[in-house]
Amino acid sequence: MFRFASPAALTRSAGRDEAKIAKTLAGLTPGKPQDCIPRERMGETQGFPNTILYIEGRKKVWRNDVTGSCTGLANDDLMVVESTSGQLCRGDIVRTRSRLGGGILTSSCALGSFVPYSK
């Protein structure tokens, strides 16, 4: 049997996500949004249903507010990005796959613009 979260539970979860994002970006200044970023410089990724943070060292974080909702990111599912350029670009498709159960597709979304936050 499936259980659906109540609207209040979803609001609490979204509030926790925003608090985690704010904590990661604390002390950093946003810059001009960009359409693409180099994939090879990213060290860590933090995923939330509507936002992905790409962490490039201690002094730079790229925030990407996705189009659609990649709910699987909040569940620590595997993230697969379909890119034709070798970079991460606005419009690239992100699909999430369950770590359990043979990699079942759990959600998909499209990348938005990348906003750099730096010291």
C-alpha atoms as a PDB file:
ATOM      1  CA  MET A   1       0.000   0.000   0.000  1.00  0.00           C
ATOM      2  CA  PHE A   2       1.284   3.467  -0.908  1.00  0.00           C
ATOM      3  CA  ARG A   3       1.070   6.298   1.568  1.00  0.00           C
ATOM      4  CA  PHE A   4       1.097   9.866   0.440  1.00  0.00           C
ATOM      5  CA  ALA A   5       2.558  12.666   2.508  1.00  0.00           C
ATOM      6  CA  SER A   6       0.153  15.257   3.841  1.00  0.00           C
ATOM      7  CA  PRO A   7       0.479  18.855   2.627  1.00  0.00           C
ATOM      8  CA  ALA A   8       1.803  19.830   6.071  1.00  0.00           C
ATOM      9  CA  ALA A   9       4.510  17.140   5.882  1.00  0.00           C
ATOM     10  CA  LEU A  10       5.524  18.320   2.410  1.00  0.00           C
ATOM     11  CA  THR A  11       5.768  21.912   3.645  1.00  0.00           C
ATOM     12  CA  ARG A  12       7.959  20.849   6.587  1.00  0.00           C
ATOM     13  CA  SER A  13      10.206  18.857   4.245  1.00  0.00           C
ATOM     14  CA  ALA A  14      10.559  21.798   1.843  1.00  0.00           C
ATOM     15  CA  GLY A  15      11.429  24.054   4.779  1.00  0.00           C
ATOM     16  CA  ARG A  16      14.160  21.655   5.915  1.00  0.00           C
ATOM     17  CA  ASP A  17      15.562  21.524   2.377  1.00  0.00           C
ATOM     18  CA  GLU A  18      15.669  25.338   2.131  1.00  0.00           C
ATOM     19  CA  ALA A  19      17.426  25.490   5.521  1.00  0.00           C
ATOM     20  CA  LYS A  20      20.088  23.001   4.333  1.00  0.00           C
ATOM     21  CA  ILE A  21      20.587  24.950   1.096  1.00  0.00           C
ATOM     22  CA  ALA A  22      20.878  28.236   3.013  1.00  0.00           C
ATOM     23  CA  LYS A  23      23.431  26.683   5.373  1.00  0.00           C
ATOM     24  CA  THR A  24      25.582  25.508   2.448  1.00  0.00           C
ATOM     25  CA  LEU A  25      25.405  28.938   0.769  1.00  0.00           C
ATOM     26  CA  ALA A  26      25.909  30.961   3.977  1.00  0.00           C
ATOM     27  CA  GLY A  27      28.716  33.496   3.625  1.00  0.00           C
ATOM     28  CA  LEU A  28      28.803  33.187  -0.169  1.00  0.00           C
ATOM     29  CA  THR A  29      27.738  35.893  -2.634  1.00  0.00           C
ATOM     30  CA  PRO A  30      25.647  35.034  -5.713  1.00  0.00           C
ATOM     31  CA  GLY A  31      27.003  35.924  -9.126  1.00  0.00           C
ATOM     32  CA  LYS A  32      25.674  36.139 -12.678  1.00  0.00           C
ATOM     33  CA  PRO A  33      23.773  33.004 -13.853  1.00  0.00           C
ATOM     34  CA  GLN A  34      25.481  30.915 -16.528  1.00  0.00           C
ATOM     35  CA  ASP A  35      24.122  28.406 -19.022  1.00  0.00           C
ATOM     36  CA  CYS A  36      26.949  25.829 -18.699  1.00  0.00           C
ATOM     37  CA  ILE A  37      29.653  24.824 -16.231  1.00  0.00           C
ATOM     38  CA  PRO A  38      32.590  22.407 -16.618  1.00  0.00           C
ATOM     39  CA  ARG A  39      31.738  19.000 -15.222  1.00  0.00           C
ATOM     40  CA  GLU A  40      35.271  17.998 -14.224  1.00  0.00           C
ATOM     41  CA  ARG A  41      35.709  20.714 -11.555  1.00  0.00           C
ATOM     42  CA  MET A  42      32.775  19.603  -9.417  1.00  0.00           C
ATOM     43  CA  GLY A  43      33.764  17.781  -6.239  1.00  0.00           C
ATOM     44  CA  GLU A  44      30.469  17.093  -4.481  1.00  0.00           C
ATOM     45  CA  THR A  45      26.794  17.253  -5.380  1.00  0.00           C
ATOM     46  CA  GLN A  46      23.918  17.858  -2.977  1.00  0.00           C
ATOM     47  CA  GLY A  47      20.485  17.084  -4.364  1.00  0.00           C
ATOM     48  CA  PHE A  48      17.065  18.329  -3.289  1.00  0.00           C
ATOM     49  CA  PRO A  49      13.755  17.869  -5.148  1.00  0.00           C
ATOM     50  CA  ASN A  50      13.913  21.301  -6.819  1.00  0.00           C
ATOM     51  CA  THR A  51      17.571  22.293  -6.439  1.00  0.00           C
ATOM     52  CA  ILE A  52      20.988  20.789  -7.083  1.00  0.00           C
ATOM     53  CA  LEU A  53      24.128  22.245  -5.487  1.00  0.00           C
ATOM     54  CA  TYR A  54      27.394  21.533  -7.306  1.00  0.00           C
ATOM     55  CA  ILE A  55      30.273  22.171  -4.923  1.00  0.00           C
ATOM     56  CA  GLU A  56      33.575  23.293  -6.428  1.00  0.00           C
ATOM     57  CA  GLY A  57      35.988  23.394  -3.506  1.00  0.00           C
ATOM     58  CA  ARG A  58      35.453  25.371  -0.308  1.00  0.00           C
ATOM     59  CA  LYS A  59      34.908  28.761  -1.882  1.00  0.00           C
ATOM     60  CA  LYS A  60      32.488  28.130  -4.738  1.00  0.00           C
ATOM     61  CA  VAL A  61      29.069  26.495  -5.040  1.00  0.00           C
ATOM     62  CA  TRP A  62      26.854  26.448  -8.124  1.00  0.00           C
ATOM     63  CA  ARG A  63      23.098  26.483  -7.448  1.00  0.00           C
ATOM     64  CA  ASN A  64      20.794  25.026 -10.069  1.00  0.00           C
ATOM     65  CA  ASP A  65      17.027  25.294  -9.633  1.00  0.00           C
ATOM     66  CA  VAL A  66      15.701  22.545 -11.886  1.00  0.00           C
ATOM     67  CA  THR A  67      12.629  22.597 -14.103  1.00  0.00           C
ATOM     68  CA  GLY A  68      10.231  19.945 -12.913  1.00  0.00           C
ATOM     69  CA  SER A  69      10.981  18.009  -9.773  1.00  0.00           C
ATOM     70  CA  CYS A  70      13.681  15.407  -9.217  1.00  0.00           C
ATOM     71  CA  THR A  71      12.181  13.934  -6.050  1.00  0.00           C
ATOM     72  CA  GLY A  72      14.635  11.038  -6.225  1.00  0.00           C
ATOM     73  CA  LEU A  73      17.474  13.423  -5.301  1.00  0.00           C
ATOM     74  CA  ALA A  74      16.026  13.794  -1.804  1.00  0.00           C
ATOM     75  CA  ASN A  75      16.097  10.000  -1.423  1.00  0.00           C
ATOM     76  CA  ASP A  76      19.817   9.730  -2.278  1.00  0.00           C
ATOM     77  CA  ASP A  77      18.996   8.036  -5.578  1.00  0.00           C
ATOM     78  CA  LEU A  78      21.664   7.921  -8.277  1.00  0.00           C
ATOM     79  CA  MET A  79      21.729  10.970 -10.542  1.00  0.00           C
ATOM     80  CA  VAL A  80      22.346  10.501 -14.265  1.00  0.00           C
ATOM     81  CA  VAL A  81      22.741  13.604 -16.438  1.00  0.00           C
ATOM     82  CA  GLU A  82      22.201  13.355 -20.192  1.00  0.00           C
ATOM     83  CA  SER A  83      24.579  15.857 -21.783  1.00  0.00           C
ATOM     84  CA  THR A  84      25.834  16.129 -25.341  1.00  0.00           C
ATOM     85  CA  SER A  85      28.516  18.747 -24.656  1.00  0.00           C
ATOM     86  CA  GLY A  86      30.708  17.229 -21.938  1.00  0.00           C
ATOM     87  CA  GLN A  87      29.630  20.099 -19.676  1.00  0.00           C
ATOM     88  CA  LEU A  88      26.582  20.532 -17.484  1.00  0.00           C
ATOM     89  CA  CYS A  89      24.203  22.868 -19.340  1.00  0.00           C
ATOM     90  CA  ARG A  90      20.802  24.439 -18.908  1.00  0.00           C
ATOM     91  CA  GLY A  91      18.246  22.106 -20.482  1.00  0.00           C
ATOM     92  CA  ASP A  92      20.251  18.907 -19.886  1.00  0.00           C
ATOM     93  CA  ILE A  93      18.025  16.116 -18.580  1.00  0.00           C
ATOM     94  CA  VAL A  94      18.603  14.678 -15.108  1.00  0.00           C
ATOM     95  CA  ARG A  95      17.164  11.268 -14.302  1.00  0.00           C
ATOM     96  CA  THR A  96      17.317   9.613 -10.915  1.00  0.00           C
ATOM     97  CA  ARG A  97      17.511   5.874 -10.406  1.00  0.00           C
ATOM     98  CA  SER A  98      16.957   3.889  -7.240  1.00  0.00           C
ATOM     99  CA  ARG A  99      20.058   2.395  -5.648  1.00  0.00           C
ATOM    100  CA  LEU A 100      17.877  -0.596  -4.777  1.00  0.00           C
ATOM    101  CA  GLY A 101      15.674  -2.683  -7.016  1.00  0.00           C
ATOM    102  CA  GLY A 102      17.824  -2.728 -10.123  1.00  0.00           C
ATOM    103  CA  GLY A 103      18.072   0.985 -10.775  1.00  0.00           C
ATOM    104  CA  ILE A 104      14.415   1.746 -11.389  1.00  0.00           C
ATOM    105  CA  LEU A 105      13.783   5.258 -12.748  1.00  0.00           C
ATOM    106  CA  THR A 106      12.417   7.392  -9.892  1.00  0.00           C
ATOM    107  CA  SER A 107      12.190  10.921 -11.360  1.00  0.00           C
ATOM    108  CA  SER A 108      13.446  13.282 -14.028  1.00  0.00           C
ATOM    109  CA  CYS A 109      13.863  17.025 -14.490  1.00  0.00           C
ATOM    110  CA  ALA A 110      15.804  19.533 -16.599  1.00  0.00           C
ATOM    111  CA  LEU A 111      18.685  21.678 -15.415  1.00  0.00           C
ATOM    112  CA  GLY A 112      18.092  25.408 -15.129  1.00  0.00           C
ATOM    113  CA  SER A 113      20.694  28.173 -15.116  1.00  0.00           C
ATOM    114  CA  PHE A 114      23.752  27.802 -12.882  1.00  0.00           C
ATOM    115  CA  VAL A 115      24.179  30.569 -10.297  1.00  0.00           C
ATOM    116  CA  PRO A 116      27.698  30.765  -8.838  1.00  0.00           C
ATOM    117  CA  TYR A 117      28.016  31.515  -5.126  1.00  0.00           C
ATOM    118  CA  SER A 118      31.539  32.408  -4.036  1.00  0.00           C
ATOM    119  CA  LYS A 119      33.590  34.127  -1.334  1.00  0.00           C
END
